[in-house]
N, C-alpha and C. Protein backbone atom coordinates (compact mmCIF):
# COMPACT_ATOMS: atom_id res chain seq x y z
N MET A 1 -155.33 -80.12 86.08
CA MET A 1 -156.54 -79.43 85.74
C MET A 1 -157.00 -79.95 84.39
N ALA A 2 -158.27 -80.26 84.29
CA ALA A 2 -158.80 -80.75 83.02
C ALA A 2 -160.27 -80.39 82.90
N LYS A 3 -160.67 -79.98 81.70
CA LYS A 3 -162.08 -79.72 81.41
C LYS A 3 -162.74 -80.96 80.84
N ASP A 4 -161.94 -81.82 80.24
CA ASP A 4 -162.44 -83.06 79.66
C ASP A 4 -161.29 -84.06 79.66
N ASN A 5 -161.53 -85.24 79.13
CA ASN A 5 -160.49 -86.27 79.05
C ASN A 5 -159.89 -86.56 80.43
N GLU A 6 -160.79 -86.71 81.41
CA GLU A 6 -160.37 -86.92 82.79
C GLU A 6 -159.53 -88.18 82.97
N ASP A 7 -159.81 -89.23 82.18
CA ASP A 7 -159.03 -90.46 82.30
C ASP A 7 -157.56 -90.21 82.01
N HIS A 8 -157.29 -89.43 80.98
CA HIS A 8 -155.91 -89.10 80.63
C HIS A 8 -155.27 -88.24 81.73
N ALA A 9 -156.02 -87.26 82.23
CA ALA A 9 -155.51 -86.40 83.32
C ALA A 9 -155.22 -87.23 84.56
N ASN A 10 -156.11 -88.16 84.88
CA ASN A 10 -155.89 -89.04 86.04
C ASN A 10 -154.63 -89.88 85.86
N SER A 11 -154.42 -90.38 84.66
CA SER A 11 -153.24 -91.20 84.37
C SER A 11 -151.95 -90.41 84.56
N ILE A 12 -151.94 -89.19 84.04
CA ILE A 12 -150.75 -88.34 84.18
C ILE A 12 -150.53 -88.01 85.66
N ALA A 13 -151.60 -87.64 86.35
CA ALA A 13 -151.48 -87.31 87.77
C ALA A 13 -150.97 -88.50 88.58
N LYS A 14 -151.43 -89.69 88.26
CA LYS A 14 -151.01 -90.90 88.97
C LYS A 14 -149.50 -91.09 88.87
N THR A 15 -148.94 -90.84 87.69
CA THR A 15 -147.50 -90.97 87.50
C THR A 15 -146.75 -90.03 88.43
N PHE A 16 -147.20 -88.78 88.49
CA PHE A 16 -146.54 -87.81 89.36
C PHE A 16 -146.77 -88.14 90.84
N HIS A 17 -148.00 -88.49 91.16
CA HIS A 17 -148.34 -88.82 92.56
C HIS A 17 -147.49 -90.00 93.05
N ASP A 18 -147.37 -91.04 92.23
CA ASP A 18 -146.57 -92.21 92.61
C ASP A 18 -145.09 -91.88 92.75
N ALA A 19 -144.65 -90.79 92.09
CA ALA A 19 -143.25 -90.36 92.20
C ALA A 19 -143.03 -89.43 93.40
N GLY A 20 -144.09 -89.17 94.18
CA GLY A 20 -143.94 -88.34 95.37
C GLY A 20 -144.15 -86.86 95.14
N VAL A 21 -144.64 -86.49 93.96
CA VAL A 21 -144.90 -85.08 93.65
C VAL A 21 -146.27 -84.72 94.20
N LEU A 22 -146.39 -83.56 94.83
CA LEU A 22 -147.69 -83.08 95.31
C LEU A 22 -148.60 -82.88 94.11
N THR A 23 -149.70 -83.61 94.08
CA THR A 23 -150.64 -83.52 92.95
C THR A 23 -151.99 -83.04 93.44
N LEU A 24 -152.48 -82.00 92.80
CA LEU A 24 -153.77 -81.42 93.13
C LEU A 24 -154.67 -81.55 91.92
N GLY A 25 -155.91 -81.94 92.14
CA GLY A 25 -156.85 -82.11 91.04
C GLY A 25 -157.89 -81.02 91.02
N LEU A 26 -158.04 -80.39 89.88
CA LEU A 26 -159.11 -79.43 89.65
C LEU A 26 -159.88 -79.92 88.44
N LEU A 27 -160.68 -80.96 88.64
CA LEU A 27 -161.42 -81.57 87.55
C LEU A 27 -162.58 -82.38 88.09
N ASP A 28 -163.58 -82.58 87.26
CA ASP A 28 -164.68 -83.47 87.60
C ASP A 28 -164.21 -84.91 87.39
N ASN A 29 -164.81 -85.84 88.06
CA ASN A 29 -164.52 -87.26 87.89
C ASN A 29 -163.05 -87.61 88.14
N ALA A 30 -162.48 -86.98 89.14
CA ALA A 30 -161.09 -87.28 89.48
C ALA A 30 -161.03 -88.62 90.22
N ASP A 31 -160.03 -89.40 89.88
CA ASP A 31 -159.76 -90.65 90.61
C ASP A 31 -158.90 -90.26 91.81
N LEU A 32 -159.46 -90.34 93.00
CA LEU A 32 -158.78 -89.88 94.21
C LEU A 32 -157.46 -90.59 94.48
N ASP A 33 -157.29 -91.79 93.93
CA ASP A 33 -156.03 -92.51 94.11
C ASP A 33 -154.90 -91.90 93.29
N CYS A 34 -155.22 -90.99 92.38
CA CYS A 34 -154.21 -90.38 91.51
C CYS A 34 -153.71 -89.03 92.02
N TYR A 35 -154.30 -88.52 93.09
CA TYR A 35 -154.01 -87.17 93.56
C TYR A 35 -153.81 -87.17 95.07
N ASP A 36 -153.07 -86.18 95.53
CA ASP A 36 -153.00 -85.94 96.98
C ASP A 36 -154.33 -85.36 97.44
N SER A 37 -154.86 -84.41 96.67
CA SER A 37 -156.09 -83.73 97.06
C SER A 37 -156.79 -83.18 95.83
N VAL A 38 -158.12 -83.23 95.87
CA VAL A 38 -158.95 -82.77 94.75
C VAL A 38 -159.88 -81.70 95.30
N VAL A 39 -160.04 -80.62 94.53
CA VAL A 39 -160.91 -79.54 94.97
C VAL A 39 -162.35 -80.03 95.05
N SER A 40 -163.04 -79.63 96.11
CA SER A 40 -164.43 -80.00 96.29
C SER A 40 -165.33 -78.91 95.74
N GLU A 41 -166.27 -79.28 94.90
CA GLU A 41 -167.31 -78.39 94.41
C GLU A 41 -166.79 -77.08 93.84
N ALA A 42 -166.15 -77.11 92.70
CA ALA A 42 -165.71 -75.89 92.02
C ALA A 42 -166.09 -75.98 90.55
N SER A 43 -166.47 -74.85 90.01
CA SER A 43 -166.81 -74.80 88.59
C SER A 43 -165.60 -74.35 87.78
N CYS A 44 -165.66 -74.55 86.48
CA CYS A 44 -164.55 -74.14 85.60
C CYS A 44 -164.30 -72.64 85.68
N THR A 45 -165.36 -71.86 85.89
CA THR A 45 -165.18 -70.41 85.96
C THR A 45 -164.39 -70.00 87.21
N GLU A 46 -164.38 -70.84 88.24
CA GLU A 46 -163.64 -70.55 89.46
C GLU A 46 -162.17 -70.98 89.39
N THR A 47 -161.81 -71.75 88.39
CA THR A 47 -160.47 -72.32 88.31
C THR A 47 -159.35 -71.28 88.38
N PRO A 48 -159.41 -70.17 87.63
CA PRO A 48 -158.32 -69.18 87.76
C PRO A 48 -158.18 -68.63 89.18
N ASP A 49 -159.30 -68.37 89.84
CA ASP A 49 -159.25 -67.86 91.22
C ASP A 49 -158.68 -68.91 92.17
N LEU A 50 -159.01 -70.18 91.95
CA LEU A 50 -158.48 -71.25 92.79
C LEU A 50 -156.96 -71.36 92.62
N ILE A 51 -156.52 -71.32 91.39
CA ILE A 51 -155.08 -71.41 91.13
C ILE A 51 -154.35 -70.23 91.77
N LYS A 52 -154.91 -69.03 91.62
CA LYS A 52 -154.29 -67.85 92.23
C LYS A 52 -154.25 -68.00 93.75
N ALA A 53 -155.34 -68.47 94.35
CA ALA A 53 -155.38 -68.62 95.81
C ALA A 53 -154.36 -69.63 96.31
N ILE A 54 -154.07 -70.65 95.52
CA ILE A 54 -153.08 -71.66 95.90
C ILE A 54 -151.66 -71.12 95.73
N LEU A 55 -151.40 -70.42 94.62
CA LEU A 55 -150.04 -69.98 94.31
C LEU A 55 -149.63 -68.65 94.94
N GLN A 56 -150.58 -67.73 95.12
CA GLN A 56 -150.24 -66.40 95.63
C GLN A 56 -149.45 -66.43 96.94
N PRO A 57 -149.82 -67.24 97.91
CA PRO A 57 -149.03 -67.25 99.15
C PRO A 57 -147.60 -67.76 98.96
N ILE A 58 -147.40 -68.61 97.98
CA ILE A 58 -146.07 -69.18 97.76
C ILE A 58 -145.15 -68.19 97.06
N VAL A 59 -145.69 -67.40 96.13
CA VAL A 59 -144.85 -66.53 95.31
C VAL A 59 -144.81 -65.09 95.81
N THR A 60 -145.56 -64.77 96.85
CA THR A 60 -145.60 -63.40 97.38
C THR A 60 -144.77 -63.33 98.65
N GLN A 61 -144.02 -62.24 98.79
CA GLN A 61 -143.25 -62.01 100.00
C GLN A 61 -144.22 -61.63 101.12
N GLY A 62 -144.26 -62.42 102.16
CA GLY A 62 -145.20 -62.16 103.24
C GLY A 62 -144.53 -61.62 104.48
N MET A 63 -145.34 -61.02 105.34
CA MET A 63 -144.84 -60.55 106.63
C MET A 63 -144.71 -61.75 107.57
N ILE A 64 -145.66 -62.63 107.50
CA ILE A 64 -145.56 -63.96 108.08
C ILE A 64 -145.76 -64.88 106.88
N ALA A 65 -144.72 -65.52 106.43
CA ALA A 65 -144.71 -66.16 105.12
C ALA A 65 -145.18 -67.61 105.15
N TYR A 66 -145.50 -68.09 103.98
CA TYR A 66 -146.01 -69.43 103.71
C TYR A 66 -145.23 -69.91 102.50
N ASP A 67 -144.76 -71.14 102.51
CA ASP A 67 -143.99 -71.62 101.37
C ASP A 67 -144.53 -72.97 100.88
N PHE A 68 -143.84 -73.55 99.92
CA PHE A 68 -144.30 -74.80 99.32
C PHE A 68 -144.42 -75.91 100.37
N ASN A 69 -143.50 -75.94 101.33
CA ASN A 69 -143.58 -76.98 102.36
C ASN A 69 -144.84 -76.84 103.20
N ASP A 70 -145.29 -75.60 103.44
CA ASP A 70 -146.54 -75.38 104.15
C ASP A 70 -147.72 -75.86 103.31
N LEU A 71 -147.68 -75.58 102.01
CA LEU A 71 -148.74 -76.06 101.11
C LEU A 71 -148.78 -77.58 101.12
N ARG A 72 -147.62 -78.20 101.05
CA ARG A 72 -147.54 -79.66 101.08
C ARG A 72 -148.09 -80.20 102.41
N ALA A 73 -147.75 -79.55 103.52
CA ALA A 73 -148.25 -79.99 104.82
C ALA A 73 -149.77 -79.89 104.90
N THR A 74 -150.33 -78.91 104.21
CA THR A 74 -151.79 -78.72 104.23
C THR A 74 -152.50 -79.71 103.33
N LEU A 75 -151.93 -80.04 102.16
CA LEU A 75 -152.67 -80.80 101.15
C LEU A 75 -152.21 -82.23 100.90
N ALA A 76 -151.03 -82.61 101.32
CA ALA A 76 -150.53 -83.95 101.01
C ALA A 76 -151.44 -85.03 101.61
N ASP A 77 -151.83 -85.96 100.78
CA ASP A 77 -152.63 -87.13 101.18
C ASP A 77 -153.91 -86.77 101.93
N THR A 78 -154.57 -85.70 101.52
CA THR A 78 -155.81 -85.28 102.20
C THR A 78 -157.08 -85.61 101.42
N LYS A 79 -156.96 -85.99 100.16
CA LYS A 79 -158.08 -86.39 99.29
C LYS A 79 -158.96 -85.24 98.81
N HIS A 80 -159.35 -84.30 99.70
CA HIS A 80 -160.27 -83.22 99.30
C HIS A 80 -159.81 -81.90 99.90
N PHE A 81 -160.03 -80.80 99.15
CA PHE A 81 -159.78 -79.48 99.70
C PHE A 81 -160.78 -78.49 99.13
N PHE A 82 -160.91 -77.38 99.84
CA PHE A 82 -161.68 -76.26 99.30
C PHE A 82 -161.02 -74.97 99.73
N ILE A 83 -161.35 -73.92 98.99
CA ILE A 83 -160.81 -72.59 99.26
C ILE A 83 -161.99 -71.65 99.43
N LYS A 84 -161.91 -70.80 100.42
CA LYS A 84 -162.93 -69.80 100.66
C LYS A 84 -162.23 -68.48 100.94
N ALA A 85 -162.65 -67.41 100.26
CA ALA A 85 -162.09 -66.08 100.49
C ALA A 85 -163.22 -65.11 100.80
N VAL A 86 -163.00 -64.28 101.79
CA VAL A 86 -163.99 -63.27 102.20
C VAL A 86 -163.29 -61.95 102.45
N MET A 87 -164.07 -60.88 102.38
CA MET A 87 -163.56 -59.54 102.63
C MET A 87 -164.15 -59.01 103.93
N GLY A 88 -163.39 -58.16 104.59
CA GLY A 88 -163.87 -57.41 105.75
C GLY A 88 -163.63 -55.94 105.49
N TYR A 89 -164.53 -55.09 105.96
CA TYR A 89 -164.49 -53.66 105.62
C TYR A 89 -164.53 -52.79 106.86
N GLY A 90 -163.81 -51.68 106.79
CA GLY A 90 -163.89 -50.65 107.82
C GLY A 90 -163.38 -51.10 109.17
N GLU A 91 -163.87 -50.41 110.20
CA GLU A 91 -163.48 -50.75 111.56
C GLU A 91 -164.02 -52.14 111.89
N GLY A 92 -163.20 -52.97 112.47
CA GLY A 92 -163.61 -54.34 112.75
C GLY A 92 -163.56 -55.23 111.52
N ARG A 93 -162.75 -54.87 110.55
CA ARG A 93 -162.70 -55.58 109.26
C ARG A 93 -162.22 -57.02 109.40
N ILE A 94 -161.25 -57.28 110.27
CA ILE A 94 -160.79 -58.65 110.46
C ILE A 94 -161.86 -59.48 111.14
N ALA A 95 -162.49 -58.92 112.16
CA ALA A 95 -163.57 -59.63 112.85
C ALA A 95 -164.71 -59.96 111.90
N GLU A 96 -165.04 -59.02 111.00
CA GLU A 96 -166.10 -59.27 110.02
C GLU A 96 -165.71 -60.42 109.09
N ALA A 97 -164.49 -60.41 108.60
CA ALA A 97 -164.03 -61.47 107.70
C ALA A 97 -164.00 -62.82 108.43
N VAL A 98 -163.53 -62.83 109.65
CA VAL A 98 -163.47 -64.07 110.43
C VAL A 98 -164.88 -64.60 110.67
N ASP A 99 -165.84 -63.73 110.95
CA ASP A 99 -167.22 -64.17 111.13
C ASP A 99 -167.77 -64.83 109.86
N CYS A 100 -167.42 -64.29 108.70
CA CYS A 100 -167.85 -64.90 107.43
C CYS A 100 -167.22 -66.28 107.25
N ILE A 101 -165.95 -66.41 107.61
CA ILE A 101 -165.27 -67.70 107.52
C ILE A 101 -165.93 -68.70 108.48
N LYS A 102 -166.23 -68.26 109.69
CA LYS A 102 -166.89 -69.14 110.66
C LYS A 102 -168.22 -69.63 110.10
N GLY A 103 -168.95 -68.76 109.40
CA GLY A 103 -170.22 -69.16 108.81
C GLY A 103 -170.06 -70.23 107.75
N ALA A 104 -168.94 -70.20 107.03
CA ALA A 104 -168.69 -71.20 105.99
C ALA A 104 -168.22 -72.53 106.58
N LEU A 105 -167.62 -72.48 107.75
CA LEU A 105 -167.10 -73.69 108.39
C LEU A 105 -168.12 -74.24 109.39
N THR A 106 -169.16 -74.82 108.87
CA THR A 106 -170.18 -75.41 109.74
C THR A 106 -169.56 -76.55 110.55
N SER A 107 -170.24 -76.97 111.59
CA SER A 107 -169.70 -78.04 112.43
C SER A 107 -169.51 -79.33 111.64
N SER A 108 -170.40 -79.61 110.67
CA SER A 108 -170.22 -80.83 109.88
C SER A 108 -168.98 -80.74 109.00
N ILE A 109 -168.65 -79.55 108.52
CA ILE A 109 -167.42 -79.38 107.74
C ILE A 109 -166.21 -79.46 108.67
N LEU A 110 -166.26 -78.74 109.79
CA LEU A 110 -165.13 -78.75 110.72
C LEU A 110 -164.79 -80.15 111.22
N ASN A 111 -165.79 -81.00 111.32
CA ASN A 111 -165.55 -82.37 111.77
C ASN A 111 -164.77 -83.18 110.76
N THR A 112 -164.69 -82.72 109.51
CA THR A 112 -163.97 -83.45 108.47
C THR A 112 -162.67 -82.77 108.05
N VAL A 113 -162.42 -81.57 108.55
CA VAL A 113 -161.20 -80.83 108.20
C VAL A 113 -160.04 -81.34 109.05
N GLU A 114 -158.93 -81.60 108.39
CA GLU A 114 -157.71 -82.02 109.08
C GLU A 114 -156.65 -80.93 109.09
N HIS A 115 -156.64 -80.10 108.04
CA HIS A 115 -155.63 -79.05 107.88
C HIS A 115 -156.29 -77.78 107.37
N ILE A 116 -155.86 -76.64 107.90
CA ILE A 116 -156.32 -75.34 107.40
C ILE A 116 -155.13 -74.42 107.28
N SER A 117 -155.02 -73.77 106.14
CA SER A 117 -154.08 -72.66 105.97
C SER A 117 -154.93 -71.40 105.88
N ILE A 118 -154.55 -70.38 106.64
CA ILE A 118 -155.30 -69.13 106.69
C ILE A 118 -154.38 -68.02 106.19
N PHE A 119 -154.89 -67.22 105.24
CA PHE A 119 -154.12 -66.13 104.66
C PHE A 119 -154.84 -64.81 104.89
N LEU A 120 -154.14 -63.86 105.48
CA LEU A 120 -154.68 -62.52 105.71
C LEU A 120 -153.97 -61.57 104.76
N TYR A 121 -154.74 -60.84 103.96
CA TYR A 121 -154.20 -59.87 103.01
C TYR A 121 -154.70 -58.48 103.40
N PHE A 122 -153.81 -57.49 103.32
CA PHE A 122 -154.18 -56.11 103.64
C PHE A 122 -153.30 -55.15 102.85
N ASN A 123 -153.72 -53.90 102.78
CA ASN A 123 -152.96 -52.87 102.08
C ASN A 123 -151.98 -52.24 103.08
N LYS A 124 -150.71 -52.56 102.94
CA LYS A 124 -149.71 -52.07 103.90
C LYS A 124 -149.38 -50.59 103.69
N ASP A 125 -149.68 -50.05 102.52
CA ASP A 125 -149.37 -48.65 102.24
C ASP A 125 -150.51 -47.71 102.59
N GLY A 126 -151.59 -48.24 103.09
CA GLY A 126 -152.76 -47.42 103.39
C GLY A 126 -152.61 -46.62 104.67
N GLN A 127 -153.59 -45.78 104.91
CA GLN A 127 -153.60 -44.92 106.09
C GLN A 127 -154.17 -45.63 107.31
N GLN A 128 -154.73 -46.84 107.12
CA GLN A 128 -155.32 -47.58 108.23
C GLN A 128 -154.57 -48.90 108.39
N PRO A 129 -153.41 -48.88 109.08
CA PRO A 129 -152.62 -50.11 109.24
C PRO A 129 -153.32 -51.10 110.16
N LEU A 130 -152.92 -52.35 110.05
CA LEU A 130 -153.44 -53.37 110.95
C LEU A 130 -152.92 -53.10 112.36
N THR A 131 -153.74 -53.39 113.33
CA THR A 131 -153.32 -53.25 114.73
C THR A 131 -153.36 -54.62 115.40
N MET A 132 -152.63 -54.74 116.47
CA MET A 132 -152.63 -56.00 117.22
C MET A 132 -154.02 -56.29 117.76
N GLN A 133 -154.76 -55.25 118.13
CA GLN A 133 -156.12 -55.44 118.64
C GLN A 133 -157.01 -56.07 117.57
N GLU A 134 -156.85 -55.65 116.31
CA GLU A 134 -157.63 -56.25 115.22
C GLU A 134 -157.28 -57.72 115.03
N MET A 135 -156.02 -58.06 115.21
CA MET A 135 -155.56 -59.44 115.00
C MET A 135 -156.15 -60.40 116.02
N THR A 136 -156.67 -59.89 117.12
CA THR A 136 -157.26 -60.74 118.14
C THR A 136 -158.37 -61.61 117.58
N ALA A 137 -159.17 -61.06 116.66
CA ALA A 137 -160.26 -61.85 116.07
C ALA A 137 -159.71 -63.08 115.35
N LEU A 138 -158.59 -62.92 114.66
CA LEU A 138 -157.99 -64.05 113.94
C LEU A 138 -157.37 -65.05 114.92
N THR A 139 -156.64 -64.56 115.89
CA THR A 139 -156.02 -65.48 116.84
C THR A 139 -157.06 -66.21 117.69
N ASP A 140 -158.16 -65.52 118.03
CA ASP A 140 -159.24 -66.19 118.77
C ASP A 140 -159.88 -67.27 117.92
N PHE A 141 -160.06 -66.99 116.62
CA PHE A 141 -160.63 -67.98 115.71
C PHE A 141 -159.74 -69.21 115.66
N VAL A 142 -158.45 -69.01 115.48
CA VAL A 142 -157.51 -70.13 115.39
C VAL A 142 -157.51 -70.93 116.69
N SER A 143 -157.47 -70.25 117.82
CA SER A 143 -157.43 -70.99 119.09
C SER A 143 -158.76 -71.69 119.38
N GLY A 144 -159.85 -71.26 118.73
CA GLY A 144 -161.15 -71.91 118.92
C GLY A 144 -161.39 -73.11 118.03
N LEU A 145 -160.48 -73.36 117.09
CA LEU A 145 -160.63 -74.52 116.21
C LEU A 145 -160.33 -75.80 117.01
N PRO A 146 -160.91 -76.91 116.60
CA PRO A 146 -160.59 -78.17 117.28
C PRO A 146 -159.09 -78.45 117.26
N GLU A 147 -158.58 -79.00 118.35
CA GLU A 147 -157.14 -79.28 118.45
C GLU A 147 -156.67 -80.29 117.42
N SER A 148 -157.57 -81.06 116.85
CA SER A 148 -157.20 -82.05 115.85
C SER A 148 -156.86 -81.43 114.50
N ILE A 149 -157.17 -80.15 114.30
CA ILE A 149 -156.90 -79.48 113.02
C ILE A 149 -155.52 -78.83 113.06
N TYR A 150 -154.71 -79.17 112.08
CA TYR A 150 -153.39 -78.58 111.92
C TYR A 150 -153.57 -77.24 111.22
N VAL A 151 -153.14 -76.15 111.85
CA VAL A 151 -153.37 -74.80 111.33
C VAL A 151 -152.04 -74.11 111.01
N ILE A 152 -152.00 -73.49 109.84
CA ILE A 152 -150.88 -72.63 109.44
C ILE A 152 -151.51 -71.32 109.02
N TRP A 153 -150.92 -70.20 109.40
CA TRP A 153 -151.45 -68.93 108.92
C TRP A 153 -150.33 -68.01 108.49
N ALA A 154 -150.68 -67.07 107.63
CA ALA A 154 -149.70 -66.16 107.06
C ALA A 154 -150.35 -64.81 106.81
N VAL A 155 -149.52 -63.76 106.72
CA VAL A 155 -150.01 -62.40 106.50
C VAL A 155 -149.26 -61.80 105.32
N TYR A 156 -150.03 -61.19 104.40
CA TYR A 156 -149.46 -60.66 103.16
C TYR A 156 -149.96 -59.25 102.86
N PRO A 157 -149.06 -58.41 102.35
CA PRO A 157 -149.53 -57.14 101.81
C PRO A 157 -150.17 -57.37 100.43
N ASP A 158 -151.16 -56.59 100.11
CA ASP A 158 -151.82 -56.68 98.80
C ASP A 158 -152.31 -55.28 98.44
N GLU A 159 -151.60 -54.65 97.51
CA GLU A 159 -151.93 -53.28 97.13
C GLU A 159 -153.25 -53.16 96.36
N SER A 160 -153.80 -54.28 95.92
CA SER A 160 -155.08 -54.23 95.20
C SER A 160 -156.27 -54.10 96.15
N ILE A 161 -156.00 -54.24 97.45
CA ILE A 161 -157.05 -54.12 98.46
C ILE A 161 -157.09 -52.68 98.95
N GLU A 162 -158.29 -52.15 99.10
CA GLU A 162 -158.45 -50.79 99.61
C GLU A 162 -157.93 -50.70 101.03
N ASP A 163 -157.58 -49.50 101.44
CA ASP A 163 -157.02 -49.22 102.75
C ASP A 163 -157.90 -49.73 103.89
N THR A 164 -159.20 -49.65 103.73
CA THR A 164 -160.12 -50.02 104.80
C THR A 164 -160.58 -51.48 104.71
N GLU A 165 -159.96 -52.27 103.84
CA GLU A 165 -160.38 -53.65 103.62
C GLU A 165 -159.29 -54.64 104.05
N VAL A 166 -159.72 -55.85 104.31
CA VAL A 166 -158.82 -56.99 104.44
C VAL A 166 -159.48 -58.16 103.70
N LYS A 167 -158.65 -59.08 103.28
CA LYS A 167 -159.17 -60.32 102.71
C LYS A 167 -158.62 -61.46 103.54
N VAL A 168 -159.49 -62.38 103.89
CA VAL A 168 -159.07 -63.60 104.59
C VAL A 168 -159.45 -64.77 103.70
N SER A 169 -158.47 -65.59 103.38
CA SER A 169 -158.70 -66.80 102.59
C SER A 169 -158.31 -68.01 103.43
N ILE A 170 -159.07 -69.08 103.25
CA ILE A 170 -158.69 -70.33 103.90
C ILE A 170 -158.57 -71.42 102.85
N LEU A 171 -157.66 -72.29 103.08
CA LEU A 171 -157.45 -73.50 102.30
C LEU A 171 -157.63 -74.63 103.30
N ALA A 172 -158.75 -75.34 103.20
CA ALA A 172 -159.07 -76.40 104.16
C ALA A 172 -159.03 -77.75 103.46
N ALA A 173 -158.51 -78.76 104.13
CA ALA A 173 -158.36 -80.08 103.52
C ALA A 173 -158.62 -81.18 104.52
N GLY A 174 -159.07 -82.32 103.98
CA GLY A 174 -159.30 -83.49 104.83
C GLY A 174 -159.78 -84.68 104.01
N LYS A 175 -159.49 -85.86 104.49
CA LYS A 175 -159.85 -87.08 103.78
C LYS A 175 -161.36 -87.26 103.63
N GLU A 176 -162.12 -86.83 104.62
CA GLU A 176 -163.57 -86.99 104.59
C GLU A 176 -164.29 -85.68 104.31
N LEU A 177 -163.55 -84.67 103.87
CA LEU A 177 -164.12 -83.33 103.68
C LEU A 177 -165.32 -83.33 102.75
N GLU A 178 -165.28 -84.09 101.68
CA GLU A 178 -166.38 -84.10 100.72
C GLU A 178 -167.68 -84.57 101.37
N ASN A 179 -167.58 -85.38 102.40
CA ASN A 179 -168.76 -85.91 103.07
C ASN A 179 -169.33 -84.95 104.11
N GLY A 180 -168.57 -83.87 104.44
CA GLY A 180 -168.99 -82.95 105.50
C GLY A 180 -170.06 -81.99 105.07
């Protein structure tokens, strides 16, 4: 991550990338040869949220978990990635969130995506637990994606989310993603 001095950041990243370390770039003017993947279209004000979205699934105990190897499978040698998070509210909350994600994944973007990680967050201590019927919207979405896209998904409790809410985040990556 760099706000300035991108040449120096690229040089450091290149050293790690050449050593086989997963390198992600959150900077303008990134040299794509120095990184596994660089975030597409993000401002400096979004950087903390991007970092949290990348790390939260790895450091949080999930009901269906995601680990560093899943992150590596999603981002290694993909050149570009983006993160999108949406909320769903009330009855049909997962379907609402999935519809918002579908709206963000236009056909031109989907044609360039190679890997997607999907994270579902909900309040497990609330009075409105997730039901298998609600999960149908997510499983239908995943099964409707092109077969060429490698998909990983995970489910996490998040006490900061209201009982009637869910959050769905996606981490999408691909070599031609920036062109989509």
